[in-house]
Amino acid sequence: MNDNPTPVCDLYNTISRVSEGLYKEKGSRFLSFAYPVSDKEETDGILRKVKKEFFDARHCCFAFRLGPEGNEVRTCDDGEPSYSAGKPILGQILSNDLSDILIVVVRYFGGTKLGLPGLTKAYRTAAANAIKNADIIKKYICRIYTIDFGYGNIDSVLKALGQLNIIPYDRKFDLRCSIKADVRLSLIEKFRESISMIDGANIKEQ
């Protein structure tokens, strides 16, 4: 039996707002934009808007990473030599341990080729500048639960949640009541234990 279990990590890093960056090299301009995103659908919508706004740019390269554990990633070189754009952009996302983020770098060609090392540096630096100007925040990884209980146990349920600093929402109070709660991973065991001690209260994970 392990008397010192490994603490549950329920935090990850992301950004709170759109940020921008710029890098110039031999006449070429690399405009970078970092976006907070929650899913691929939102990411696709942003990419469509960026490509429409910068329709006259030579390249529109990007990388994104999604999910609390950062398991979903994608890169795009958009006509640049393979691994010269999307990969270095993603490299900056990974090195800063960020997720739920999309970084787009738009290139306006200046007439002089930069070569593979030059391109890699340009896209890496442009992405780094967008991250540098971003507001990096921490988000909790949560599970959503619905709590079902009798009307007479309203105070007990709310007290149990309050002791864990869990804020309920979608409250429905009747003979049978229900509320929803976002519970941090590290609090799930205590949450389940607290609710199980309330007579007639049930929980269901969404």
N, C-alpha and C. Protein backbone atom coordinates (compact mmCIF):
# COMPACT_ATOMS: atom_id res chain seq x y z
N MET A 1 0.84 -1.20 0.00
CA MET A 1 0.00 0.00 0.00
C MET A 1 0.87 1.25 0.00
N ASN A 2 0.51 2.21 -0.86
CA ASN A 2 1.29 3.43 -0.96
C ASN A 2 0.72 4.48 -0.02
N ASP A 3 1.47 4.81 1.05
CA ASP A 3 1.00 5.79 2.01
C ASP A 3 1.18 7.22 1.51
N ASN A 4 1.94 7.40 0.44
CA ASN A 4 2.17 8.73 -0.12
C ASN A 4 1.85 8.71 -1.61
N PRO A 5 0.56 8.67 -1.95
CA PRO A 5 0.18 8.63 -3.36
C PRO A 5 0.63 9.88 -4.11
N THR A 6 0.91 9.69 -5.39
CA THR A 6 1.33 10.82 -6.22
C THR A 6 0.19 11.83 -6.34
N PRO A 7 0.45 13.11 -6.04
CA PRO A 7 -0.61 14.11 -6.14
C PRO A 7 -1.16 14.19 -7.57
N VAL A 8 -2.47 14.41 -7.68
CA VAL A 8 -3.09 14.54 -9.00
C VAL A 8 -2.80 15.93 -9.55
N CYS A 9 -2.24 16.00 -10.74
CA CYS A 9 -1.98 17.28 -11.39
C CYS A 9 -3.22 17.69 -12.17
N ASP A 10 -3.86 18.76 -11.76
CA ASP A 10 -5.09 19.15 -12.45
C ASP A 10 -5.01 20.58 -13.00
N LEU A 11 -3.81 21.02 -13.32
CA LEU A 11 -3.60 22.34 -13.90
C LEU A 11 -2.86 22.23 -15.23
N TYR A 12 -3.19 23.12 -16.15
CA TYR A 12 -2.40 23.22 -17.37
C TYR A 12 -2.34 24.68 -17.81
N ASN A 13 -1.39 25.00 -18.66
CA ASN A 13 -1.16 26.37 -19.09
C ASN A 13 -1.82 26.65 -20.44
N THR A 14 -2.41 27.83 -20.55
CA THR A 14 -2.97 28.28 -21.82
C THR A 14 -2.88 29.80 -21.85
N ILE A 15 -3.54 30.45 -22.81
CA ILE A 15 -3.54 31.91 -22.87
C ILE A 15 -4.97 32.41 -22.74
N SER A 16 -5.12 33.64 -22.26
CA SER A 16 -6.45 34.16 -21.98
C SER A 16 -7.02 35.03 -23.10
N ARG A 17 -6.17 35.49 -23.99
CA ARG A 17 -6.63 36.41 -25.03
C ARG A 17 -5.74 36.29 -26.25
N VAL A 18 -6.18 36.92 -27.34
CA VAL A 18 -5.39 36.93 -28.57
C VAL A 18 -4.17 37.83 -28.38
N SER A 19 -3.04 37.39 -28.87
CA SER A 19 -1.82 38.21 -28.83
C SER A 19 -1.14 38.17 -30.19
N GLU A 20 -0.27 39.13 -30.42
CA GLU A 20 0.38 39.26 -31.73
C GLU A 20 1.89 39.40 -31.59
N GLY A 21 2.57 39.08 -32.67
CA GLY A 21 4.01 39.24 -32.72
C GLY A 21 4.44 39.58 -34.14
N LEU A 22 5.71 39.94 -34.32
CA LEU A 22 6.22 40.30 -35.64
C LEU A 22 7.70 39.97 -35.72
N TYR A 23 8.10 39.45 -36.88
CA TYR A 23 9.52 39.22 -37.14
C TYR A 23 9.80 39.61 -38.59
N LYS A 24 10.92 40.33 -38.80
CA LYS A 24 11.30 40.75 -40.15
C LYS A 24 12.67 40.20 -40.50
N GLU A 25 12.81 39.75 -41.74
CA GLU A 25 14.09 39.22 -42.20
C GLU A 25 14.20 39.38 -43.71
N LYS A 26 15.19 40.15 -44.15
CA LYS A 26 15.49 40.33 -45.58
C LYS A 26 14.24 40.69 -46.39
N GLY A 27 13.49 41.61 -45.86
CA GLY A 27 12.31 42.11 -46.58
C GLY A 27 11.03 41.35 -46.31
N SER A 28 11.14 40.12 -45.85
CA SER A 28 9.95 39.34 -45.53
C SER A 28 9.43 39.72 -44.15
N ARG A 29 8.11 39.76 -44.04
CA ARG A 29 7.47 40.04 -42.76
C ARG A 29 6.68 38.82 -42.30
N PHE A 30 6.86 38.46 -41.05
CA PHE A 30 6.18 37.31 -40.46
C PHE A 30 5.27 37.83 -39.34
N LEU A 31 3.99 37.89 -39.61
CA LEU A 31 3.01 38.35 -38.64
C LEU A 31 2.47 37.15 -37.87
N SER A 32 2.56 37.18 -36.57
CA SER A 32 2.14 36.02 -35.78
C SER A 32 0.96 36.38 -34.87
N PHE A 33 0.07 35.39 -34.72
CA PHE A 33 -1.13 35.58 -33.91
C PHE A 33 -1.35 34.33 -33.07
N ALA A 34 -1.51 34.51 -31.77
CA ALA A 34 -1.80 33.39 -30.87
C ALA A 34 -3.24 33.52 -30.38
N TYR A 35 -3.99 32.43 -30.49
CA TYR A 35 -5.41 32.44 -30.11
C TYR A 35 -5.69 31.38 -29.04
N PRO A 36 -6.48 31.73 -28.03
CA PRO A 36 -6.97 30.69 -27.12
C PRO A 36 -8.11 29.95 -27.81
N VAL A 37 -8.06 28.64 -27.85
CA VAL A 37 -9.09 27.83 -28.51
C VAL A 37 -9.47 26.66 -27.62
N SER A 38 -10.67 26.12 -27.86
CA SER A 38 -11.14 25.01 -27.03
C SER A 38 -11.33 23.72 -27.80
N ASP A 39 -11.50 23.82 -29.12
CA ASP A 39 -11.71 22.60 -29.91
C ASP A 39 -11.33 22.87 -31.37
N LYS A 40 -11.33 21.80 -32.16
CA LYS A 40 -10.90 21.90 -33.55
C LYS A 40 -11.86 22.74 -34.39
N GLU A 41 -13.14 22.69 -34.08
CA GLU A 41 -14.13 23.49 -34.81
C GLU A 41 -13.83 24.98 -34.67
N GLU A 42 -13.52 25.41 -33.46
CA GLU A 42 -13.17 26.80 -33.24
C GLU A 42 -11.88 27.16 -33.96
N THR A 43 -10.92 26.24 -33.93
CA THR A 43 -9.65 26.45 -34.62
C THR A 43 -9.85 26.62 -36.12
N ASP A 44 -10.67 25.76 -36.72
CA ASP A 44 -10.93 25.84 -38.16
C ASP A 44 -11.58 27.17 -38.53
N GLY A 45 -12.49 27.64 -37.68
CA GLY A 45 -13.15 28.92 -37.94
C GLY A 45 -12.17 30.08 -37.93
N ILE A 46 -11.25 30.08 -36.98
CA ILE A 46 -10.25 31.14 -36.90
C ILE A 46 -9.34 31.11 -38.12
N LEU A 47 -8.93 29.92 -38.53
CA LEU A 47 -8.05 29.80 -39.70
C LEU A 47 -8.72 30.34 -40.95
N ARG A 48 -10.01 30.07 -41.11
CA ARG A 48 -10.72 30.59 -42.28
C ARG A 48 -10.73 32.12 -42.26
N LYS A 49 -10.95 32.72 -41.11
CA LYS A 49 -10.98 34.17 -41.00
C LYS A 49 -9.62 34.79 -41.28
N VAL A 50 -8.56 34.16 -40.75
CA VAL A 50 -7.21 34.69 -40.96
C VAL A 50 -6.83 34.63 -42.43
N LYS A 51 -7.12 33.51 -43.09
CA LYS A 51 -6.78 33.36 -44.50
C LYS A 51 -7.56 34.34 -45.36
N LYS A 52 -8.80 34.63 -44.95
CA LYS A 52 -9.60 35.61 -45.69
C LYS A 52 -9.06 37.01 -45.50
N GLU A 53 -8.67 37.35 -44.26
CA GLU A 53 -8.15 38.68 -43.98
C GLU A 53 -6.81 38.93 -44.65
N PHE A 54 -5.94 37.91 -44.65
CA PHE A 54 -4.60 38.05 -45.24
C PHE A 54 -4.52 37.26 -46.54
N PHE A 55 -5.49 37.46 -47.39
CA PHE A 55 -5.58 36.71 -48.65
C PHE A 55 -4.41 36.96 -49.58
N ASP A 56 -3.75 38.13 -49.41
CA ASP A 56 -2.65 38.49 -50.30
C ASP A 56 -1.29 38.04 -49.78
N ALA A 57 -1.27 37.33 -48.66
CA ALA A 57 0.00 36.85 -48.11
C ALA A 57 0.46 35.61 -48.87
N ARG A 58 1.78 35.39 -48.91
CA ARG A 58 2.34 34.25 -49.63
C ARG A 58 2.05 32.94 -48.88
N HIS A 59 2.16 32.95 -47.56
CA HIS A 59 1.96 31.73 -46.78
C HIS A 59 1.20 32.05 -45.50
N CYS A 60 0.42 31.08 -45.06
CA CYS A 60 -0.32 31.19 -43.79
C CYS A 60 -0.11 29.87 -43.04
N CYS A 61 0.93 29.81 -42.24
CA CYS A 61 1.33 28.57 -41.57
C CYS A 61 0.83 28.58 -40.12
N PHE A 62 0.66 27.40 -39.57
CA PHE A 62 0.12 27.37 -38.22
C PHE A 62 0.47 26.07 -37.50
N ALA A 63 0.19 26.09 -36.20
CA ALA A 63 0.25 24.89 -35.36
C ALA A 63 -0.72 25.09 -34.23
N PHE A 64 -1.34 23.99 -33.80
CA PHE A 64 -2.19 24.09 -32.62
C PHE A 64 -2.01 22.86 -31.74
N ARG A 65 -2.39 23.05 -30.48
CA ARG A 65 -2.35 21.97 -29.50
C ARG A 65 -3.60 22.09 -28.64
N LEU A 66 -4.34 20.99 -28.50
CA LEU A 66 -5.62 21.03 -27.82
C LEU A 66 -5.69 20.02 -26.68
N GLY A 67 -6.53 20.34 -25.70
CA GLY A 67 -6.79 19.42 -24.59
C GLY A 67 -5.91 19.68 -23.39
N PRO A 68 -6.42 19.38 -22.20
CA PRO A 68 -5.64 19.58 -20.97
C PRO A 68 -4.29 18.86 -20.99
N GLU A 69 -4.25 17.71 -21.63
CA GLU A 69 -3.00 16.95 -21.71
C GLU A 69 -2.27 17.21 -23.03
N GLY A 70 -2.82 18.06 -23.88
CA GLY A 70 -2.16 18.43 -25.12
C GLY A 70 -2.00 17.30 -26.10
N ASN A 71 -2.95 16.37 -26.13
CA ASN A 71 -2.81 15.18 -26.97
C ASN A 71 -3.11 15.43 -28.44
N GLU A 72 -3.89 16.47 -28.75
CA GLU A 72 -4.26 16.72 -30.14
C GLU A 72 -3.43 17.87 -30.70
N VAL A 73 -2.59 17.56 -31.69
CA VAL A 73 -1.73 18.58 -32.30
C VAL A 73 -1.82 18.50 -33.81
N ARG A 74 -1.53 19.62 -34.45
CA ARG A 74 -1.48 19.65 -35.91
C ARG A 74 -0.59 20.80 -36.34
N THR A 75 0.12 20.60 -37.43
CA THR A 75 0.96 21.66 -37.99
C THR A 75 0.68 21.78 -39.48
N CYS A 76 0.99 22.94 -40.04
CA CYS A 76 0.80 23.17 -41.48
C CYS A 76 1.89 24.11 -41.97
N ASP A 77 2.60 23.70 -43.04
CA ASP A 77 3.65 24.52 -43.64
C ASP A 77 3.13 25.41 -44.77
N ASP A 78 1.93 25.14 -45.27
CA ASP A 78 1.27 25.95 -46.29
C ASP A 78 2.19 26.36 -47.44
N GLY A 79 2.87 25.39 -48.01
CA GLY A 79 3.70 25.68 -49.18
C GLY A 79 5.16 25.96 -48.88
N GLU A 80 5.49 26.21 -47.64
CA GLU A 80 6.90 26.36 -47.27
C GLU A 80 7.55 24.97 -47.27
N PRO A 81 8.88 24.90 -47.34
CA PRO A 81 9.55 23.58 -47.27
C PRO A 81 9.11 22.79 -46.04
N SER A 82 8.99 21.49 -46.19
CA SER A 82 8.53 20.64 -45.10
C SER A 82 9.31 20.87 -43.81
N TYR A 83 8.59 21.00 -42.72
CA TYR A 83 9.14 21.15 -41.36
C TYR A 83 9.81 22.50 -41.11
N SER A 84 9.66 23.44 -42.04
CA SER A 84 10.32 24.74 -41.86
C SER A 84 9.43 25.76 -41.16
N ALA A 85 8.12 25.49 -41.04
CA ALA A 85 7.20 26.48 -40.50
C ALA A 85 6.35 25.91 -39.36
N GLY A 86 5.47 24.96 -39.70
CA GLY A 86 4.57 24.41 -38.68
C GLY A 86 5.29 23.80 -37.50
N LYS A 87 6.35 23.05 -37.78
CA LYS A 87 7.07 22.37 -36.69
C LYS A 87 7.75 23.35 -35.74
N PRO A 88 8.47 24.38 -36.23
CA PRO A 88 9.05 25.34 -35.28
C PRO A 88 8.00 26.15 -34.52
N ILE A 89 6.83 26.38 -35.13
CA ILE A 89 5.75 27.04 -34.41
C ILE A 89 5.29 26.15 -33.26
N LEU A 90 5.06 24.87 -33.58
CA LEU A 90 4.66 23.92 -32.55
C LEU A 90 5.73 23.79 -31.47
N GLY A 91 6.98 23.86 -31.87
CA GLY A 91 8.07 23.77 -30.92
C GLY A 91 7.98 24.83 -29.84
N GLN A 92 7.55 26.04 -30.21
CA GLN A 92 7.41 27.11 -29.23
C GLN A 92 6.23 26.85 -28.29
N ILE A 93 5.15 26.28 -28.83
CA ILE A 93 4.01 25.91 -27.99
C ILE A 93 4.44 24.87 -26.96
N LEU A 94 5.19 23.87 -27.42
CA LEU A 94 5.63 22.80 -26.53
C LEU A 94 6.64 23.29 -25.50
N SER A 95 7.57 24.11 -25.93
CA SER A 95 8.61 24.57 -25.01
C SER A 95 8.04 25.46 -23.91
N ASN A 96 6.90 26.09 -24.19
CA ASN A 96 6.23 26.91 -23.18
C ASN A 96 5.14 26.14 -22.45
N ASP A 97 5.02 24.84 -22.79
CA ASP A 97 4.06 23.94 -22.14
C ASP A 97 2.64 24.51 -22.17
N LEU A 98 2.20 24.91 -23.38
CA LEU A 98 0.88 25.49 -23.56
C LEU A 98 -0.05 24.52 -24.27
N SER A 99 -1.32 24.63 -23.99
CA SER A 99 -2.33 23.86 -24.71
C SER A 99 -3.57 24.72 -24.90
N ASP A 100 -4.54 24.21 -25.67
CA ASP A 100 -5.71 25.00 -26.06
C ASP A 100 -5.26 26.31 -26.69
N ILE A 101 -4.33 26.19 -27.63
CA ILE A 101 -3.75 27.36 -28.27
C ILE A 101 -3.53 27.09 -29.76
N LEU A 102 -3.78 28.10 -30.56
CA LEU A 102 -3.50 28.09 -32.00
C LEU A 102 -2.57 29.26 -32.29
N ILE A 103 -1.48 29.01 -33.00
CA ILE A 103 -0.60 30.09 -33.44
C ILE A 103 -0.53 30.07 -34.96
N VAL A 104 -0.85 31.20 -35.55
CA VAL A 104 -0.80 31.37 -37.01
C VAL A 104 0.30 32.38 -37.34
N VAL A 105 1.12 32.06 -38.31
CA VAL A 105 2.15 32.99 -38.76
C VAL A 105 1.93 33.24 -40.25
N VAL A 106 1.65 34.49 -40.57
CA VAL A 106 1.39 34.91 -41.95
C VAL A 106 2.66 35.54 -42.51
N ARG A 107 3.09 35.07 -43.69
CA ARG A 107 4.33 35.59 -44.28
C ARG A 107 4.05 36.39 -45.54
N TYR A 108 4.61 37.59 -45.56
CA TYR A 108 4.65 38.40 -46.76
C TYR A 108 6.07 38.34 -47.31
N PHE A 109 6.22 37.74 -48.46
CA PHE A 109 7.54 37.49 -49.05
C PHE A 109 8.21 38.79 -49.46
N GLY A 110 9.49 38.92 -49.11
CA GLY A 110 10.21 40.15 -49.40
C GLY A 110 11.09 40.10 -50.62
N GLY A 111 11.08 38.96 -51.33
CA GLY A 111 11.86 38.87 -52.56
C GLY A 111 13.16 38.12 -52.43
N THR A 112 13.60 37.85 -51.21
CA THR A 112 14.85 37.12 -50.98
C THR A 112 14.56 35.82 -50.23
N LYS A 113 15.01 34.71 -50.79
CA LYS A 113 14.80 33.43 -50.12
C LYS A 113 15.68 33.33 -48.88
N LEU A 114 15.13 32.74 -47.85
CA LEU A 114 15.85 32.66 -46.58
C LEU A 114 16.56 31.34 -46.36
N GLY A 115 16.21 30.33 -47.15
CA GLY A 115 16.79 29.01 -46.93
C GLY A 115 16.11 28.33 -45.74
N LEU A 116 16.33 27.04 -45.62
CA LEU A 116 15.67 26.28 -44.56
C LEU A 116 16.01 26.79 -43.16
N PRO A 117 17.31 27.02 -42.85
CA PRO A 117 17.63 27.53 -41.51
C PRO A 117 17.01 28.89 -41.24
N GLY A 118 17.01 29.74 -42.25
CA GLY A 118 16.43 31.07 -42.08
C GLY A 118 14.93 31.03 -41.87
N LEU A 119 14.25 30.16 -42.62
CA LEU A 119 12.80 30.02 -42.46
C LEU A 119 12.46 29.48 -41.08
N THR A 120 13.19 28.46 -40.67
CA THR A 120 12.94 27.85 -39.36
C THR A 120 13.10 28.89 -38.26
N LYS A 121 14.15 29.68 -38.33
CA LYS A 121 14.37 30.72 -37.34
C LYS A 121 13.26 31.76 -37.37
N ALA A 122 12.83 32.14 -38.57
CA ALA A 122 11.81 33.18 -38.71
C ALA A 122 10.48 32.74 -38.10
N TYR A 123 10.04 31.53 -38.44
CA TYR A 123 8.75 31.07 -37.92
C TYR A 123 8.83 30.80 -36.42
N ARG A 124 9.97 30.28 -35.97
CA ARG A 124 10.15 30.05 -34.54
C ARG A 124 10.11 31.36 -33.76
N THR A 125 10.83 32.37 -34.27
CA THR A 125 10.90 33.66 -33.58
C THR A 125 9.56 34.38 -33.60
N ALA A 126 8.87 34.33 -34.73
CA ALA A 126 7.56 34.98 -34.83
C ALA A 126 6.59 34.37 -33.83
N ALA A 127 6.59 33.04 -33.74
CA ALA A 127 5.72 32.36 -32.78
C ALA A 127 6.11 32.73 -31.34
N ALA A 128 7.40 32.76 -31.08
CA ALA A 128 7.89 33.11 -29.74
C ALA A 128 7.47 34.52 -29.35
N ASN A 129 7.46 35.44 -30.31
CA ASN A 129 7.07 36.82 -30.03
C ASN A 129 5.58 36.91 -29.69
N ALA A 130 4.76 36.12 -30.36
CA ALA A 130 3.32 36.13 -30.05
C ALA A 130 3.10 35.59 -28.63
N ILE A 131 3.83 34.54 -28.27
CA ILE A 131 3.70 33.98 -26.91
C ILE A 131 4.22 34.96 -25.87
N LYS A 132 5.30 35.65 -26.21
CA LYS A 132 5.88 36.63 -25.29
C LYS A 132 4.87 37.72 -24.94
N ASN A 133 4.03 38.08 -25.90
CA ASN A 133 3.05 39.14 -25.69
C ASN A 133 1.72 38.61 -25.15
N ALA A 134 1.63 37.31 -24.92
CA ALA A 134 0.38 36.69 -24.47
C ALA A 134 0.24 36.75 -22.95
N ASP A 135 -0.98 36.63 -22.51
CA ASP A 135 -1.28 36.53 -21.08
C ASP A 135 -1.45 35.05 -20.76
N ILE A 136 -0.42 34.44 -20.21
CA ILE A 136 -0.44 33.00 -19.91
C ILE A 136 -1.13 32.77 -18.56
N ILE A 137 -2.11 31.87 -18.57
CA ILE A 137 -2.87 31.58 -17.37
C ILE A 137 -2.88 30.07 -17.12
N LYS A 138 -3.31 29.70 -15.94
CA LYS A 138 -3.48 28.28 -15.61
C LYS A 138 -4.96 27.95 -15.55
N LYS A 139 -5.32 26.80 -16.10
CA LYS A 139 -6.70 26.33 -16.05
C LYS A 139 -6.75 25.00 -15.31
N TYR A 140 -7.86 24.80 -14.62
CA TYR A 140 -8.06 23.54 -13.92
C TYR A 140 -8.67 22.50 -14.86
N ILE A 141 -8.21 21.27 -14.71
CA ILE A 141 -8.83 20.15 -15.41
C ILE A 141 -9.95 19.64 -14.51
N CYS A 142 -11.16 19.64 -15.04
CA CYS A 142 -12.32 19.29 -14.22
C CYS A 142 -13.15 18.19 -14.87
N ARG A 143 -13.96 17.56 -14.05
CA ARG A 143 -15.00 16.66 -14.50
C ARG A 143 -16.34 17.27 -14.09
N ILE A 144 -17.35 17.11 -14.94
CA ILE A 144 -18.67 17.68 -14.66
C ILE A 144 -19.55 16.61 -14.02
N TYR A 145 -20.17 16.98 -12.90
CA TYR A 145 -21.05 16.06 -12.18
C TYR A 145 -22.42 16.70 -11.98
N THR A 146 -23.45 15.85 -12.03
CA THR A 146 -24.79 16.25 -11.62
C THR A 146 -25.09 15.59 -10.28
N ILE A 147 -25.55 16.39 -9.34
CA ILE A 147 -25.89 15.89 -8.01
C ILE A 147 -27.40 15.92 -7.85
N ASP A 148 -27.98 14.79 -7.54
CA ASP A 148 -29.43 14.65 -7.35
C ASP A 148 -29.69 14.37 -5.87
N PHE A 149 -30.63 15.12 -5.27
CA PHE A 149 -30.86 14.97 -3.83
C PHE A 149 -32.25 15.47 -3.46
N GLY A 150 -32.68 15.14 -2.27
CA GLY A 150 -33.98 15.59 -1.78
C GLY A 150 -33.95 17.02 -1.32
N TYR A 151 -35.12 17.66 -1.34
CA TYR A 151 -35.22 19.08 -0.97
C TYR A 151 -34.69 19.35 0.44
N GLY A 152 -34.91 18.40 1.32
CA GLY A 152 -34.48 18.60 2.71
C GLY A 152 -32.98 18.59 2.90
N ASN A 153 -32.24 18.21 1.87
CA ASN A 153 -30.78 18.14 1.99
C ASN A 153 -30.04 19.26 1.24
N ILE A 154 -30.79 20.28 0.85
CA ILE A 154 -30.16 21.40 0.12
C ILE A 154 -28.99 21.97 0.91
N ASP A 155 -29.21 22.29 2.17
CA ASP A 155 -28.15 22.91 2.98
C ASP A 155 -26.93 22.00 3.11
N SER A 156 -27.18 20.70 3.27
CA SER A 156 -26.07 19.76 3.44
C SER A 156 -25.22 19.68 2.18
N VAL A 157 -25.88 19.63 1.03
CA VAL A 157 -25.16 19.54 -0.24
C VAL A 157 -24.36 20.81 -0.49
N LEU A 158 -25.01 21.97 -0.31
CA LEU A 158 -24.31 23.24 -0.55
C LEU A 158 -23.15 23.43 0.41
N LYS A 159 -23.32 22.97 1.65
CA LYS A 159 -22.23 23.08 2.63
C LYS A 159 -21.05 22.20 2.22
N ALA A 160 -21.35 20.97 1.75
CA ALA A 160 -20.28 20.06 1.33
C ALA A 160 -19.50 20.64 0.16
N LEU A 161 -20.22 21.24 -0.78
CA LEU A 161 -19.55 21.84 -1.93
C LEU A 161 -18.73 23.06 -1.50
N GLY A 162 -19.31 23.85 -0.61
CA GLY A 162 -18.61 25.05 -0.16
C GLY A 162 -17.31 24.74 0.54
N GLN A 163 -17.28 23.65 1.30
CA GLN A 163 -16.06 23.26 2.00
C GLN A 163 -14.94 22.88 1.03
N LEU A 164 -15.33 22.50 -0.19
CA LEU A 164 -14.34 22.15 -1.21
C LEU A 164 -14.14 23.28 -2.22
N ASN A 165 -14.75 24.43 -1.94
CA ASN A 165 -14.67 25.58 -2.85
C ASN A 165 -15.19 25.25 -4.25
N ILE A 166 -16.23 24.43 -4.31
CA ILE A 166 -16.87 24.08 -5.58
C ILE A 166 -18.13 24.92 -5.73
N ILE A 167 -18.24 25.61 -6.84
CA ILE A 167 -19.38 26.50 -7.07
C ILE A 167 -20.41 25.79 -7.94
N PRO A 168 -21.60 25.51 -7.42
CA PRO A 168 -22.63 24.80 -8.20
C PRO A 168 -23.32 25.73 -9.19
N TYR A 169 -23.93 25.14 -10.22
CA TYR A 169 -24.70 25.91 -11.20
C TYR A 169 -25.83 25.03 -11.72
N ASP A 170 -26.65 25.59 -12.59
CA ASP A 170 -27.84 24.88 -13.10
C ASP A 170 -28.66 24.29 -11.95
N ARG A 171 -28.98 25.12 -10.99
CA ARG A 171 -29.71 24.65 -9.81
C ARG A 171 -31.20 24.45 -10.13
N LYS A 172 -31.73 23.33 -9.76
CA LYS A 172 -33.15 23.03 -9.92
C LYS A 172 -33.67 22.49 -8.59
N PHE A 173 -34.46 23.32 -7.89
CA PHE A 173 -34.95 22.96 -6.57
C PHE A 173 -36.45 22.63 -6.62
N ASP A 174 -36.78 21.42 -6.25
CA ASP A 174 -38.16 20.94 -6.18
C ASP A 174 -38.19 19.85 -5.11
N LEU A 175 -39.16 18.96 -5.17
CA LEU A 175 -39.16 17.84 -4.23
C LEU A 175 -37.87 17.04 -4.38
N ARG A 176 -37.47 16.84 -5.63
CA ARG A 176 -36.14 16.31 -5.93
C ARG A 176 -35.35 17.44 -6.57
N CYS A 177 -34.17 17.64 -6.11
CA CYS A 177 -33.34 18.76 -6.58
C CYS A 177 -32.14 18.23 -7.35
N SER A 178 -31.58 19.09 -8.17
CA SER A 178 -30.35 18.73 -8.88
C SER A 178 -29.52 19.98 -9.12
N ILE A 179 -28.24 19.81 -9.08
CA ILE A 179 -27.30 20.88 -9.42
C ILE A 179 -26.12 20.26 -10.15
N LYS A 180 -25.42 21.09 -10.88
CA LYS A 180 -24.21 20.64 -11.56
C LYS A 180 -23.00 21.28 -10.90
N ALA A 181 -21.87 20.62 -11.04
CA ALA A 181 -20.64 21.14 -10.47
C ALA A 181 -19.45 20.67 -11.28
N ASP A 182 -18.50 21.58 -11.50
CA ASP A 182 -17.23 21.24 -12.14
C ASP A 182 -16.23 20.95 -11.03
N VAL A 183 -15.76 19.72 -11.00
CA VAL A 183 -14.90 19.28 -9.89
C VAL A 183 -13.48 19.03 -10.39
N ARG A 184 -12.51 19.68 -9.77
CA ARG A 184 -11.11 19.47 -10.12
C ARG A 184 -10.72 18.01 -9.89
N LEU A 185 -9.82 17.51 -10.72
CA LEU A 185 -9.41 16.11 -10.60
C LEU A 185 -8.90 15.78 -9.20
N SER A 186 -8.15 16.71 -8.62
CA SER A 186 -7.56 16.44 -7.30
C SER A 186 -8.59 16.43 -6.18
N LEU A 187 -9.82 16.90 -6.46
CA LEU A 187 -10.85 16.95 -5.43
C LEU A 187 -11.93 15.89 -5.60
N ILE A 188 -11.85 15.12 -6.68
CA ILE A 188 -12.93 14.18 -6.98
C ILE A 188 -13.16 13.17 -5.86
N GLU A 189 -12.09 12.63 -5.30
CA GLU A 189 -12.24 11.62 -4.24
C GLU A 189 -12.94 12.22 -3.02
N LYS A 190 -12.52 13.42 -2.60
CA LYS A 190 -13.14 14.08 -1.45
C LYS A 190 -14.59 14.45 -1.77
N PHE A 191 -14.81 14.90 -3.01
CA PHE A 191 -16.17 15.26 -3.43
C PHE A 191 -17.11 14.06 -3.35
N ARG A 192 -16.68 12.93 -3.90
CA ARG A 192 -17.51 11.72 -3.87
C ARG A 192 -17.79 11.29 -2.42
N GLU A 193 -16.76 11.36 -1.60
CA GLU A 193 -16.91 10.95 -0.21
C GLU A 193 -17.90 11.85 0.53
N SER A 194 -17.79 13.16 0.31
CA SER A 194 -18.67 14.12 0.99
C SER A 194 -20.13 13.93 0.60
N ILE A 195 -20.38 13.75 -0.71
CA ILE A 195 -21.76 13.61 -1.17
C ILE A 195 -22.34 12.26 -0.75
N SER A 196 -21.50 11.23 -0.71
CA SER A 196 -21.99 9.90 -0.33
C SER A 196 -22.48 9.87 1.11
N MET A 197 -22.03 10.81 1.94
CA MET A 197 -22.44 10.85 3.34
C MET A 197 -23.79 11.54 3.53
N ILE A 198 -24.34 12.10 2.46
CA ILE A 198 -25.63 12.78 2.53
C ILE A 198 -26.72 11.81 2.11
N ASP A 199 -27.66 11.55 2.97
CA ASP A 199 -28.71 10.57 2.73
C ASP A 199 -29.52 10.91 1.47
N GLY A 200 -29.61 9.94 0.56
CA GLY A 200 -30.44 10.13 -0.62
C GLY A 200 -29.79 10.92 -1.74
N ALA A 201 -28.56 11.35 -1.56
CA ALA A 201 -27.88 12.14 -2.60
C ALA A 201 -27.14 11.21 -3.54
N ASN A 202 -27.24 11.47 -4.83
CA ASN A 202 -26.57 10.68 -5.86
C ASN A 202 -25.80 11.59 -6.79
N ILE A 203 -24.71 11.07 -7.34
CA ILE A 203 -23.93 11.86 -8.29
C ILE A 203 -23.76 11.07 -9.58
N LYS A 204 -23.71 11.81 -10.67
CA LYS A 204 -23.52 11.20 -11.99
C LYS A 204 -22.55 12.05 -12.79
N GLU A 205 -21.52 11.41 -13.33
CA GLU A 205 -20.55 12.14 -14.15
C GLU A 205 -21.11 12.34 -15.55
N GLN A 206 -20.91 13.54 -16.08
CA GLN A 206 -21.42 13.86 -17.42
C GLN A 206 -20.50 13.31 -18.50
